[in-house]
């Protein structure tokens, strides 16, 4: 298992994922959501659907989500928390509410970051062959601020929809049945909720 320091995540994590598709790593609780996303999100493409499961939102997580939504890198955000945080989301992410689908469930304990690329067409092919969607899933502590605790992670990067579905299906079930902010009519959100990935 690799140990990754905060200063090195952008240099170390992408090659680990490209080499094997799946990797395990640990940190000293100093890798925030911002650092995880900055190091890896570009590997799935320039725009994505973001599925985030976290016990509780804090200023660091909100700031990171706002940045990715504002820059339109995140086309749609599906958010699941343990504690009800509807008013916080409606206040802090108000300009982007039409792209946010949110649910809460008291049984949420672990963190998960899933980034689903949009897929595309092979520009080099005269037949316009579809290119499979690349996705990233990271399970472990999703931190807004460093807490300096031993944190263990599993990360996967690939195009295998069976692997992706098995990783995110529990969160999708809760997002589908318990929405507090419901934007299931958004095309990218509707596609994920229908498990059409």
Protein backbone atom coordinates (compact mmCIF):
# COMPACT_ATOMS: atom_id res chain seq x y z
CA UNK A 1 0.00 0.00 0.00
CA UNK A 2 1.40 3.37 -1.02
CA UNK A 3 1.73 6.26 1.37
CA UNK A 4 0.97 9.61 -0.29
CA UNK A 5 1.89 12.97 1.21
CA UNK A 6 -0.23 16.03 0.55
CA UNK A 7 2.46 17.66 -1.56
CA UNK A 8 2.80 14.65 -3.86
CA UNK A 9 -0.72 13.49 -4.67
CA UNK A 10 -0.92 15.15 -8.08
CA UNK A 11 2.37 13.51 -9.05
CA UNK A 12 1.82 10.04 -7.54
CA UNK A 13 -1.86 9.11 -7.71
CA UNK A 14 -2.56 9.50 -11.47
CA UNK A 15 0.30 7.16 -12.53
CA UNK A 16 -0.82 4.59 -9.94
CA UNK A 17 -4.33 4.62 -11.41
CA UNK A 18 -3.12 4.55 -15.03
CA UNK A 19 -0.80 1.65 -14.32
CA UNK A 20 -3.22 -0.74 -12.66
CA UNK A 21 -6.71 0.76 -12.77
CA UNK A 22 -7.13 0.01 -9.05
CA UNK A 23 -4.88 1.06 -6.20
CA UNK A 24 -4.79 1.34 -2.43
CA UNK A 25 -3.12 4.21 -0.62
CA UNK A 26 -2.98 5.88 2.76
CA UNK A 27 -2.48 9.43 3.98
CA UNK A 28 -2.05 11.25 7.26
CA UNK A 29 -5.46 12.89 6.94
CA UNK A 30 -4.05 15.84 5.03
CA UNK A 31 -5.52 15.08 1.59
CA UNK A 32 -8.68 17.15 1.18
CA UNK A 33 -11.44 16.77 -1.40
CA UNK A 34 -9.85 19.68 -3.27
CA UNK A 35 -6.53 17.82 -3.56
CA UNK A 36 -8.20 14.53 -4.54
CA UNK A 37 -10.19 16.22 -7.28
CA UNK A 38 -7.36 18.38 -8.57
CA UNK A 39 -5.16 15.29 -8.87
CA UNK A 40 -7.62 12.99 -10.61
CA UNK A 41 -10.73 14.55 -12.13
CA UNK A 42 -9.05 15.55 -15.40
CA UNK A 43 -8.43 11.85 -16.06
CA UNK A 44 -12.13 11.35 -16.90
CA UNK A 45 -12.45 14.28 -19.30
CA UNK A 46 -13.16 17.99 -19.23
CA UNK A 47 -16.78 17.68 -17.95
CA UNK A 48 -18.27 15.18 -15.59
CA UNK A 49 -21.10 14.15 -13.30
CA UNK A 50 -19.95 14.11 -9.68
CA UNK A 51 -21.43 11.77 -7.06
CA UNK A 52 -20.26 12.58 -3.54
CA UNK A 53 -21.12 10.67 -0.38
CA UNK A 54 -19.91 12.28 2.83
CA UNK A 55 -21.08 12.29 6.45
CA UNK A 56 -21.23 16.07 6.67
CA UNK A 57 -20.42 19.07 4.50
CA UNK A 58 -18.01 21.71 5.72
CA UNK A 59 -16.64 24.96 4.31
CA UNK A 60 -13.77 23.22 2.48
CA UNK A 61 -16.06 20.74 0.73
CA UNK A 62 -18.57 23.46 -0.20
CA UNK A 63 -15.77 25.67 -1.54
CA UNK A 64 -14.43 22.84 -3.73
CA UNK A 65 -17.88 21.94 -5.07
CA UNK A 66 -18.64 25.60 -5.82
CA UNK A 67 -15.36 25.96 -7.74
CA UNK A 68 -16.01 22.92 -9.93
CA UNK A 69 -19.64 23.90 -10.56
CA UNK A 70 -18.75 27.53 -11.32
CA UNK A 71 -16.08 26.54 -13.84
CA UNK A 72 -18.59 24.11 -15.40
CA UNK A 73 -16.23 21.16 -15.00
CA UNK A 74 -19.02 19.55 -12.96
CA UNK A 75 -22.07 19.34 -15.23
CA UNK A 76 -24.18 17.77 -12.47
CA UNK A 77 -23.70 17.08 -8.75
CA UNK A 78 -25.35 14.23 -6.88
CA UNK A 79 -24.78 14.65 -3.16
CA UNK A 80 -25.56 12.31 -0.26
CA UNK A 81 -24.91 13.16 3.40
CA UNK A 82 -25.69 11.64 6.80
CA UNK A 83 -27.01 14.81 8.42
CA UNK A 84 -29.69 16.99 6.76
CA UNK A 85 -27.98 19.92 5.07
CA UNK A 86 -30.57 21.13 2.61
CA UNK A 87 -30.52 24.75 3.78
CA UNK A 88 -26.71 24.91 3.64
CA UNK A 89 -26.72 23.62 0.06
CA UNK A 90 -29.55 25.95 -0.96
CA UNK A 91 -27.67 28.93 0.51
CA UNK A 92 -24.07 28.21 -0.47
CA UNK A 93 -24.63 26.58 -3.88
CA UNK A 94 -27.75 28.54 -4.87
CA UNK A 95 -26.58 29.56 -8.39
CA UNK A 96 -26.11 25.88 -9.30
CA UNK A 97 -29.20 24.30 -7.70
CA UNK A 98 -30.65 23.30 -11.08
CA UNK A 99 -27.66 20.92 -11.45
CA UNK A 100 -27.76 19.46 -7.91
CA UNK A 101 -29.63 16.39 -6.69
CA UNK A 102 -29.35 15.89 -2.92
CA UNK A 103 -30.44 13.30 -0.35
CA UNK A 104 -29.58 12.51 3.25
CA UNK A 105 -29.65 9.25 5.17
CA UNK A 106 -28.63 8.69 8.82
CA UNK A 107 -26.89 5.42 7.88
CA UNK A 108 -24.19 7.12 5.78
CA UNK A 109 -20.80 6.60 7.43
CA UNK A 110 -18.13 6.17 4.75
CA UNK A 111 -17.04 8.65 2.10
CA UNK A 112 -17.05 8.10 -1.63
CA UNK A 113 -16.14 10.29 -4.57
CA UNK A 114 -17.32 9.10 -8.00
CA UNK A 115 -16.59 11.07 -11.15
CA UNK A 116 -18.32 9.99 -14.36
CA UNK A 117 -16.98 11.34 -17.63
CA UNK A 118 -19.35 12.15 -20.45
CA UNK A 119 -17.91 9.69 -22.98
CA UNK A 120 -17.41 10.95 -26.51
CA UNK A 121 -16.90 10.03 -30.13
CA UNK A 122 -13.60 8.98 -31.66
CA UNK A 123 -12.73 12.00 -33.78
CA UNK A 124 -10.18 9.98 -35.79
CA UNK A 125 -12.68 7.37 -36.95
CA UNK A 126 -14.69 8.02 -40.11
CA UNK A 127 -17.44 5.79 -38.68
CA UNK A 128 -17.68 7.90 -35.50
CA UNK A 129 -17.19 5.03 -33.07
CA UNK A 130 -18.36 5.85 -29.52
CA UNK A 131 -15.60 6.05 -26.93
CA UNK A 132 -16.62 4.47 -23.58
CA UNK A 133 -17.11 6.71 -20.59
CA UNK A 134 -14.18 6.80 -18.21
CA UNK A 135 -15.04 6.92 -14.52
CA UNK A 136 -13.16 7.34 -11.27
CA UNK A 137 -14.22 6.09 -7.84
CA UNK A 138 -12.34 6.86 -4.61
CA UNK A 139 -13.53 5.40 -1.31
CA UNK A 140 -12.16 6.70 1.96
CA UNK A 141 -12.10 9.85 4.06
CA UNK A 142 -13.52 12.78 2.12
CA UNK A 143 -12.19 15.78 4.01
CA UNK A 144 -12.84 19.49 3.66
CA UNK A 145 -10.04 20.30 6.13
CA UNK A 146 -7.06 18.17 7.20
CA UNK A 147 -7.71 16.17 10.37
CA UNK A 148 -4.31 14.41 10.48
CA UNK A 149 -5.71 10.93 11.10
CA UNK A 150 -4.57 7.77 9.36
CA UNK A 151 -6.80 7.57 6.28
CA UNK A 152 -7.08 4.53 4.02
CA UNK A 153 -8.31 4.74 0.42
CA UNK A 154 -9.23 2.53 -2.49
CA UNK A 155 -9.28 4.11 -5.94
CA UNK A 156 -10.43 2.80 -9.31
CA UNK A 157 -10.20 4.32 -12.80
CA UNK A 158 -11.69 2.60 -15.81
CA UNK A 159 -14.45 2.08 -18.35
CA UNK A 160 -16.02 -1.14 -17.02
CA UNK A 161 -19.63 -0.17 -16.26
CA UNK A 162 -20.19 -3.33 -14.19
CA UNK A 163 -17.43 -2.28 -11.77
CA UNK A 164 -18.72 1.29 -11.69
CA UNK A 165 -22.30 0.22 -11.01
CA UNK A 166 -21.26 -2.09 -8.18
CA UNK A 167 -19.34 0.77 -6.56
CA UNK A 168 -21.99 3.48 -6.77
CA UNK A 169 -25.27 1.53 -6.73
CA UNK A 170 -25.89 1.84 -2.95
CA UNK A 171 -25.56 5.64 -3.13
CA UNK A 172 -27.75 5.80 -6.24
CA UNK A 173 -30.50 3.86 -4.46
CA UNK A 174 -30.58 6.42 -1.64
CA UNK A 175 -30.37 9.39 -4.01
CA UNK A 176 -33.27 8.00 -5.99
CA UNK A 177 -35.61 7.25 -3.09
CA UNK A 178 -34.86 10.04 -0.59
CA UNK A 179 -34.24 13.30 -2.46
CA UNK A 180 -34.39 16.49 -0.40
CA UNK A 181 -33.41 18.55 -3.45
CA UNK A 182 -34.84 16.80 -6.49
CA UNK A 183 -33.48 17.55 -9.93
CA UNK A 184 -34.06 14.12 -11.40
CA UNK A 185 -35.21 15.91 -14.55
CA UNK A 186 -31.63 17.07 -15.30
CA UNK A 187 -30.41 14.87 -18.19
CA UNK A 188 -27.12 13.79 -16.57
CA UNK A 189 -28.78 13.14 -13.20
CA UNK A 190 -31.67 11.24 -14.78
CA UNK A 191 -29.20 9.02 -16.64
CA UNK A 192 -27.39 8.07 -13.43
CA UNK A 193 -30.62 7.53 -11.46
CA UNK A 194 -31.82 5.22 -14.25
CA UNK A 195 -28.45 3.41 -14.01
CA UNK A 196 -27.97 4.11 -17.70
CA UNK A 197 -24.19 4.34 -17.44
